C-alpha cells in the first residue's frame, strides 16, 4: 500500500468527523479499545494527536497506570486512508485544569459538531472534568497507508509478507 505523504496525512487528520480508536492496557493485561474524538496539531514542540478522557472513564484509569497507547484513525470510503500510532501518551493537563485548555477542547468539539452546537456541547459537559493527553507522532511508531489513487499501479500494493511467491502482486 502506498504510504500517506506528510501533506496527505495532515489533510486526512484535519478532516471533520473522523474518529480515532484508542487502545490502552487494563490492569489485568487485557486490551481496551474506545472510539473517541481527537485533534491533530503541529506545534514548535512537535506534531501531536490530542485526546481527552473523562475523569470517570475506564480508559483514563488505564492511562494513569500505564501510558502506552495504540491509536487507529481510519476511514470507510475510498481511498481507505489509515494511520496507526503506538507510543506513550503524555498527560498534559490533569482533572481540575480544564479551564487551562478549554479552547483546545472547543477545537476538538468543532471537528465533530457544528460550531454553535459545539459550544453548547462544551457548556453542557463543563461539569464533567477531563484530562488532556497527547501523543507526539515524532516519538511514536507511526504507519500510514491508503489504496492506490487513479493512475497508480494496483499490483504489489500489499507488503510482501501477504503474497505467496510468484503470485499476482508479489515482488518475489
Protein backbone atom coordinates (compact mmCIF):
# COMPACT_ATOMS: atom_id res chain seq x y z
CA UNK A 1 0.00 0.00 0.00
CA UNK A 2 1.22 3.48 -0.66
CA UNK A 3 2.08 5.45 2.46
CA UNK A 4 0.48 8.83 3.00
CA UNK A 5 2.72 11.78 2.26
CA UNK A 6 3.02 14.33 5.07
CA UNK A 7 0.52 16.59 3.27
CA UNK A 8 -1.90 13.69 2.72
CA UNK A 9 -1.55 12.63 6.35
CA UNK A 10 -2.13 16.14 7.71
CA UNK A 11 -5.11 16.64 5.39
CA UNK A 12 -6.63 13.33 6.48
CA UNK A 13 -6.13 14.11 10.19
CA UNK A 14 -7.81 17.52 9.71
CA UNK A 15 -10.98 16.12 8.13
CA UNK A 16 -14.02 16.68 10.30
CA UNK A 17 -15.85 13.72 11.77
CA UNK A 18 -13.11 11.08 11.53
CA UNK A 19 -13.00 9.11 14.78
CA UNK A 20 -9.96 7.68 16.48
CA UNK A 21 -9.81 4.43 18.38
CA UNK A 22 -7.52 4.45 21.38
CA UNK A 23 -6.26 1.16 22.78
CA UNK A 24 -4.98 1.01 26.34
CA UNK A 25 -3.96 -1.79 28.70
CA UNK A 26 -6.15 -2.81 31.63
CA UNK A 27 -4.57 -3.80 34.96
CA UNK A 28 -5.09 -7.49 34.11
CA UNK A 29 -3.21 -7.01 30.82
CA UNK A 30 -6.26 -7.19 28.58
CA UNK A 31 -6.78 -4.53 25.91
CA UNK A 32 -9.46 -1.84 26.00
CA UNK A 33 -10.36 -0.03 22.77
CA UNK A 34 -12.54 3.09 22.79
CA UNK A 35 -13.69 5.23 19.81
CA UNK A 36 -13.14 8.91 20.63
CA UNK A 37 -12.77 12.41 19.23
CA UNK A 38 -9.26 13.76 18.62
CA UNK A 39 -7.38 16.78 17.37
CA UNK A 40 -4.13 16.85 15.37
CA UNK A 41 -1.99 19.97 15.86
CA UNK A 42 1.54 20.76 14.76
CA UNK A 43 3.43 23.00 17.16
CA UNK A 44 7.02 24.06 17.71
CA UNK A 45 7.36 21.27 20.30
CA UNK A 46 6.10 18.56 17.96
CA UNK A 47 3.35 17.03 15.90
CA UNK A 48 0.63 15.90 18.32
CA UNK A 49 -2.58 13.94 18.48
CA UNK A 50 -4.64 15.32 21.40
CA UNK A 51 -7.44 13.39 23.11
CA UNK A 52 -9.41 13.82 26.26
CA UNK A 53 -10.81 11.15 28.60
CA UNK A 54 -13.48 11.98 31.13
CA UNK A 55 -12.45 11.63 34.76
CA UNK A 56 -14.67 8.58 35.38
CA UNK A 57 -13.84 6.67 32.18
CA UNK A 58 -12.20 3.27 32.45
CA UNK A 59 -9.61 4.13 29.83
CA UNK A 60 -8.49 7.22 31.80
CA UNK A 61 -7.75 4.96 34.77
CA UNK A 62 -5.82 2.66 32.46
CA UNK A 63 -3.75 5.55 31.10
CA UNK A 64 -2.94 6.79 34.58
CA UNK A 65 -1.50 3.37 35.41
CA UNK A 66 0.17 2.68 32.04
CA UNK A 67 0.62 5.43 29.42
CA UNK A 68 1.14 3.04 26.49
CA UNK A 69 -1.40 3.56 23.72
CA UNK A 70 -2.16 2.42 20.21
CA UNK A 71 -4.16 4.86 18.10
CA UNK A 72 -6.05 3.89 14.97
CA UNK A 73 -7.51 6.59 12.73
CA UNK A 74 -9.16 5.37 9.54
CA UNK A 75 -11.99 5.98 7.12
CA UNK A 76 -14.58 3.79 5.46
CA UNK A 77 -14.77 5.31 1.94
CA UNK A 78 -12.01 5.05 -0.66
CA UNK A 79 -9.08 5.56 -0.62
CA UNK A 80 -9.24 3.86 2.83
CA UNK A 81 -6.68 6.13 4.46
CA UNK A 82 -5.30 4.85 7.74
CA UNK A 83 -2.88 5.96 10.43
CA UNK A 84 -1.75 3.71 13.26
CA UNK A 85 0.48 5.08 16.00
CA UNK A 86 1.93 3.35 19.04
CA UNK A 87 3.72 5.08 21.89
CA UNK A 88 3.41 6.59 25.33
CA UNK A 89 0.74 9.23 25.85
CA UNK A 90 1.62 12.29 27.89
CA UNK A 91 -0.85 13.75 30.39
CA UNK A 92 -0.70 17.46 29.52
CA UNK A 93 -3.47 18.63 31.87
CA UNK A 94 -4.94 16.61 34.70
CA UNK A 95 -8.51 16.73 36.02
CA UNK A 96 -9.26 20.14 37.52
CA UNK A 97 -7.17 22.01 34.96
CA UNK A 98 -9.93 22.07 32.31
CA UNK A 99 -10.11 25.88 32.17
CA UNK A 100 -6.45 25.99 31.06
CA UNK A 101 -7.17 24.05 27.86
CA UNK A 102 -10.85 24.74 27.18
CA UNK A 103 -10.07 26.45 23.83
CA UNK A 104 -8.39 23.26 22.63
CA UNK A 105 -11.45 21.32 23.78
CA UNK A 106 -13.61 23.68 21.68
CA UNK A 107 -11.39 22.93 18.66
CA UNK A 108 -11.87 19.21 19.27
CA UNK A 109 -15.67 19.59 19.55
CA UNK A 110 -15.78 21.75 16.40
CA UNK A 111 -14.36 18.84 14.40
CA UNK A 112 -17.41 16.72 15.23
CA UNK A 113 -20.43 19.00 15.62
CA UNK A 114 -21.39 22.32 14.03
CA UNK A 115 -19.82 25.36 15.67
CA UNK A 116 -22.90 26.56 17.56
CA UNK A 117 -23.64 23.03 18.71
CA UNK A 118 -20.00 22.51 19.66
CA UNK A 119 -20.12 25.41 22.10
CA UNK A 120 -23.37 24.05 23.55
CA UNK A 121 -21.71 20.65 23.92
CA UNK A 122 -18.76 22.20 25.75
CA UNK A 123 -21.09 24.11 28.09
CA UNK A 124 -23.32 21.06 28.67
CA UNK A 125 -20.35 18.92 29.69
CA UNK A 126 -18.34 21.58 31.53
CA UNK A 127 -19.11 19.97 34.91
CA UNK A 128 -17.63 16.64 33.80
CA UNK A 129 -13.87 17.05 34.38
CA UNK A 130 -11.45 15.66 31.83
CA UNK A 131 -7.79 15.13 31.40
CA UNK A 132 -5.92 16.13 28.25
CA UNK A 133 -3.46 13.67 26.75
CA UNK A 134 -1.30 13.87 23.68
CA UNK A 135 0.90 11.59 21.66
CA UNK A 136 3.88 13.14 19.88
CA UNK A 137 3.99 11.46 16.48
CA UNK A 138 7.75 12.05 16.29
CA UNK A 139 8.22 9.82 19.34
CA UNK A 140 5.72 7.15 18.25
CA UNK A 141 5.83 4.25 15.83
CA UNK A 142 3.59 5.51 13.02
CA UNK A 143 2.31 3.65 9.98
CA UNK A 144 0.11 5.17 7.29
CA UNK A 145 -1.35 3.84 4.10
CA UNK A 146 -4.08 4.25 1.54
CA UNK A 147 -5.34 2.46 -1.53
CA UNK A 148 -3.70 3.45 -4.82
CA UNK A 149 -5.14 6.53 -6.47
CA UNK A 150 -6.11 6.73 -10.14
CA UNK A 151 -3.02 6.25 -12.29
CA UNK A 152 -1.03 4.44 -9.57
CA UNK A 153 -0.27 0.73 -10.04
CA UNK A 154 -2.71 -1.60 -8.27
CA UNK A 155 -0.46 -4.66 -8.16
CA UNK A 156 2.12 -5.17 -5.45
CA UNK A 157 0.44 -2.74 -3.06
CA UNK A 158 0.48 -5.01 -0.01
CA UNK A 159 3.59 -5.85 1.97
CA UNK A 160 5.46 -8.85 0.52
CA UNK A 161 4.54 -10.99 3.54
CA UNK A 162 0.92 -11.07 2.31
CA UNK A 163 1.79 -12.60 -1.09
CA UNK A 164 2.76 -16.12 -1.96
CA UNK A 165 5.94 -16.05 -4.08
CA UNK A 166 5.21 -15.87 -7.79
CA UNK A 167 1.58 -14.74 -7.45
CA UNK A 168 -0.01 -11.56 -8.79
CA UNK A 169 1.35 -8.59 -6.88
CA UNK A 170 4.35 -10.45 -5.49
CA UNK A 171 7.75 -8.84 -5.95
CA UNK A 172 9.48 -12.21 -5.41
